[in-house]
């Protein structure tokens, strides 16, 4: 099998794709897209990712290019025949919680990250709004994980890989999981997986940029 090409950077969304590649043992090559240097706006990268966002994978054997982290996870699971939902209930839960991450968890934590860390002008209203919404979403996840070990049932899978990197980023924002013990236990359990540990180390930012 020809290695897949992964275009990525050190972000929660980038970590999703790297973790899935490590979990599925698919061969791949890493291309660093330096977001801080604006490389995502290059015409060559926009040809792969019309929205100018990482991650992107290119599968030479199938002649396929896939952007959007959630779509990449579903593609890689199918490509490897691993970590796919096995029952109609698992399939439904996987889709629901994957979309929950893409529509709510990622955007809200991302906005909090922007206004709390990156914005030159600290706007109390914006920070308070996104802190409050992040807290609510963490409580939603905690409530679900009180019922089962993983987001889509009793098995680790796509939905967990979608959400985990965003939860793992919370300490950067001065947040912890003490108030959500089931979510904290889930985070700790997944953090112990060797493939997850390898995935969050990718890419090495001293590597040659794409």
Protein backbone atom coordinates (compact mmCIF):
# COMPACT_ATOMS: atom_id res chain seq x y z
CA UNK A 1 0.00 0.00 0.00
CA UNK A 2 1.31 3.44 -0.93
CA UNK A 3 1.55 5.70 2.13
CA UNK A 4 -1.20 8.27 2.52
CA UNK A 5 -0.20 11.93 2.68
CA UNK A 6 -1.32 13.80 5.79
CA UNK A 7 -1.28 17.60 5.69
CA UNK A 8 -1.57 18.84 9.24
CA UNK A 9 -0.47 21.07 12.12
CA UNK A 10 -0.44 20.94 15.93
CA UNK A 11 -4.15 21.55 16.58
CA UNK A 12 -6.98 19.42 17.99
CA UNK A 13 -8.39 18.85 14.52
CA UNK A 14 -4.98 17.87 13.21
CA UNK A 15 -4.58 15.45 16.10
CA UNK A 16 -7.80 13.66 15.18
CA UNK A 17 -6.41 12.53 11.83
CA UNK A 18 -3.00 11.60 13.24
CA UNK A 19 -4.55 9.55 16.06
CA UNK A 20 -6.78 7.69 13.61
CA UNK A 21 -3.84 6.94 11.34
CA UNK A 22 -1.88 5.60 14.30
CA UNK A 23 -4.85 3.57 15.55
CA UNK A 24 -5.47 1.97 12.16
CA UNK A 25 -1.76 1.37 11.37
CA UNK A 26 -2.20 2.78 7.87
CA UNK A 27 1.14 3.95 6.41
CA UNK A 28 1.40 7.71 5.96
CA UNK A 29 3.72 10.63 5.36
CA UNK A 30 3.41 13.92 7.24
CA UNK A 31 3.44 17.33 5.57
CA UNK A 32 3.49 20.27 7.99
CA UNK A 33 1.20 23.13 7.02
CA UNK A 34 2.38 26.03 9.17
CA UNK A 35 -0.79 27.88 10.11
CA UNK A 36 1.13 30.58 11.93
CA UNK A 37 3.02 31.34 8.72
CA UNK A 38 -0.19 31.35 6.68
CA UNK A 39 0.71 28.31 4.57
CA UNK A 40 -2.94 27.22 4.61
CA UNK A 41 -3.64 30.10 2.22
CA UNK A 42 -1.25 28.88 -0.44
CA UNK A 43 -2.89 28.08 -3.75
CA UNK A 44 -1.33 24.60 -3.73
CA UNK A 45 -2.93 23.80 -0.37
CA UNK A 46 -6.28 25.35 -1.27
CA UNK A 47 -6.37 22.97 -4.22
CA UNK A 48 -6.49 20.15 -1.66
CA UNK A 49 -8.66 21.89 0.94
CA UNK A 50 -11.05 24.46 -0.57
CA UNK A 51 -11.78 25.91 2.88
CA UNK A 52 -8.06 26.32 3.62
CA UNK A 53 -8.19 24.21 6.78
CA UNK A 54 -6.15 21.27 8.04
CA UNK A 55 -6.12 18.31 8.18
CA UNK A 56 -6.23 16.87 4.67
CA UNK A 57 -5.33 13.38 3.52
CA UNK A 58 -4.44 12.24 0.02
CA UNK A 59 -4.79 8.54 -0.80
CA UNK A 60 -2.64 7.89 -3.88
CA UNK A 61 -3.85 4.32 -4.39
CA UNK A 62 -7.48 5.40 -4.66
CA UNK A 63 -6.83 8.81 -6.14
CA UNK A 64 -8.84 10.38 -3.31
CA UNK A 65 -8.36 13.64 -1.42
CA UNK A 66 -10.38 14.10 1.78
CA UNK A 67 -10.66 17.28 3.83
CA UNK A 68 -12.65 18.00 7.04
CA UNK A 69 -11.42 16.04 10.04
CA UNK A 70 -14.66 14.16 10.63
CA UNK A 71 -14.86 13.01 7.03
CA UNK A 72 -11.23 11.90 7.28
CA UNK A 73 -11.93 9.72 10.33
CA UNK A 74 -14.84 7.97 8.63
CA UNK A 75 -12.75 7.48 5.49
CA UNK A 76 -9.77 6.03 7.36
CA UNK A 77 -11.95 3.68 9.40
CA UNK A 78 -13.46 2.32 6.19
CA UNK A 79 -10.06 2.22 4.48
CA UNK A 80 -8.54 0.13 7.28
CA UNK A 81 -11.63 -1.81 8.28
CA UNK A 82 -11.04 -0.76 11.88
CA UNK A 83 -12.89 1.29 14.51
CA UNK A 84 -16.08 1.30 12.46
CA UNK A 85 -19.45 1.05 14.20
CA UNK A 86 -20.80 -2.50 14.05
CA UNK A 87 -24.51 -2.16 14.82
CA UNK A 88 -27.25 0.25 13.72
CA UNK A 89 -27.30 1.76 17.22
CA UNK A 90 -23.51 2.27 17.20
CA UNK A 91 -23.72 3.80 13.74
CA UNK A 92 -26.40 6.25 14.86
CA UNK A 93 -24.58 7.20 18.06
CA UNK A 94 -21.27 7.59 16.21
CA UNK A 95 -22.83 9.99 13.73
CA UNK A 96 -24.67 11.95 16.42
CA UNK A 97 -21.65 12.47 18.66
CA UNK A 98 -19.33 13.16 15.76
CA UNK A 99 -21.66 15.92 14.58
CA UNK A 100 -21.98 17.17 18.18
CA UNK A 101 -18.23 17.66 18.23
CA UNK A 102 -18.11 19.31 14.80
CA UNK A 103 -21.09 21.61 15.40
CA UNK A 104 -20.75 22.44 19.09
CA UNK A 105 -17.75 21.23 21.07
CA UNK A 106 -15.01 22.23 18.62
CA UNK A 107 -16.48 25.61 17.60
CA UNK A 108 -17.25 26.71 21.17
CA UNK A 109 -13.87 25.70 22.61
CA UNK A 110 -12.23 27.19 19.52
CA UNK A 111 -13.95 30.53 20.10
CA UNK A 112 -12.97 30.46 23.77
CA UNK A 113 -9.39 29.75 22.69
CA UNK A 114 -9.47 32.70 20.30
CA UNK A 115 -10.88 35.27 22.72
CA UNK A 116 -8.99 34.05 25.80
CA UNK A 117 -5.58 33.31 24.29
CA UNK A 118 -5.10 34.93 20.89
CA UNK A 119 -7.21 38.09 20.84
CA UNK A 120 -5.22 41.27 21.46
CA UNK A 121 -8.25 42.84 23.11
CA UNK A 122 -9.76 40.73 25.89
CA UNK A 123 -13.54 41.04 25.69
CA UNK A 124 -15.14 39.94 28.98
CA UNK A 125 -18.55 39.33 27.39
CA UNK A 126 -17.13 37.02 24.71
CA UNK A 127 -14.92 35.13 27.16
CA UNK A 128 -17.79 34.69 29.61
CA UNK A 129 -20.14 33.51 26.85
CA UNK A 130 -17.77 30.84 25.57
CA UNK A 131 -16.68 29.79 29.06
CA UNK A 132 -20.32 29.24 29.95
CA UNK A 133 -21.11 27.33 26.78
CA UNK A 134 -17.98 25.19 27.16
CA UNK A 135 -19.05 24.31 30.69
CA UNK A 136 -22.50 23.32 29.45
CA UNK A 137 -21.07 21.08 26.71
CA UNK A 138 -18.72 19.37 29.15
CA UNK A 139 -21.72 18.62 31.33
CA UNK A 140 -23.55 17.14 28.36
CA UNK A 141 -20.64 14.80 27.68
CA UNK A 142 -20.33 13.90 31.36
CA UNK A 143 -23.97 12.94 31.48
CA UNK A 144 -23.61 10.61 28.52
CA UNK A 145 -20.41 9.03 29.75
CA UNK A 146 -22.13 8.26 33.05
CA UNK A 147 -24.23 5.80 31.01
CA UNK A 148 -21.52 4.03 29.02
CA UNK A 149 -17.74 3.78 28.68
CA UNK A 150 -17.45 5.49 25.29
CA UNK A 151 -19.49 8.01 23.38
CA UNK A 152 -21.00 5.52 20.93
CA UNK A 153 -21.35 2.54 23.25
CA UNK A 154 -19.04 0.01 24.85
CA UNK A 155 -16.27 0.30 22.24
CA UNK A 156 -13.75 3.02 21.54
CA UNK A 157 -14.26 4.49 18.09
CA UNK A 158 -14.63 7.42 15.75
CA UNK A 159 -16.78 9.57 18.05
CA UNK A 160 -14.18 9.36 20.83
CA UNK A 161 -11.35 10.35 18.50
CA UNK A 162 -13.45 13.28 17.28
CA UNK A 163 -13.93 14.69 20.78
CA UNK A 164 -10.84 13.68 22.74
CA UNK A 165 -8.29 16.16 21.28
CA UNK A 166 -10.56 19.09 22.11
CA UNK A 167 -10.99 17.92 25.69
CA UNK A 168 -7.24 17.36 25.89
CA UNK A 169 -6.67 21.01 24.91
CA UNK A 170 -8.64 22.43 27.85
CA UNK A 171 -5.63 22.93 30.20
CA UNK A 172 -4.30 25.53 27.76
CA UNK A 173 -7.45 27.50 28.59
CA UNK A 174 -7.06 27.06 32.33
CA UNK A 175 -9.84 24.50 32.46
CA UNK A 176 -9.94 21.14 34.25
CA UNK A 177 -12.41 18.26 34.45
CA UNK A 178 -12.89 18.05 38.22
CA UNK A 179 -16.58 18.94 37.94
CA UNK A 180 -17.19 16.25 35.30
CA UNK A 181 -15.78 13.00 36.74
CA UNK A 182 -17.11 10.65 34.05
CA UNK A 183 -15.64 12.83 31.32
CA UNK A 184 -12.38 13.01 33.26
CA UNK A 185 -12.23 9.22 33.51
CA UNK A 186 -12.92 8.84 29.78
CA UNK A 187 -10.19 11.36 28.97
CA UNK A 188 -7.68 9.58 31.20
CA UNK A 189 -8.53 6.16 29.75
CA UNK A 190 -8.04 7.29 26.16
CA UNK A 191 -4.87 9.24 27.01
CA UNK A 192 -3.23 5.95 27.97
CA UNK A 193 -3.59 4.50 24.47
CA UNK A 194 -0.17 4.31 22.75
CA UNK A 195 -1.63 5.36 19.39
CA UNK A 196 -3.15 8.45 20.99
CA UNK A 197 0.16 9.37 22.59
CA UNK A 198 1.90 9.02 19.24
CA UNK A 199 -0.84 10.93 17.42
CA UNK A 200 -0.73 14.05 19.57
CA UNK A 201 3.03 14.32 18.93
CA UNK A 202 2.34 14.73 15.20
CA UNK A 203 3.48 16.78 13.45
CA UNK A 204 6.93 17.56 14.74
CA UNK A 205 7.09 21.28 14.10
CA UNK A 206 10.78 21.22 13.33
CA UNK A 207 9.97 19.03 10.33
CA UNK A 208 10.17 20.44 6.83
CA UNK A 209 7.01 22.41 6.00
CA UNK A 210 4.85 21.39 3.07
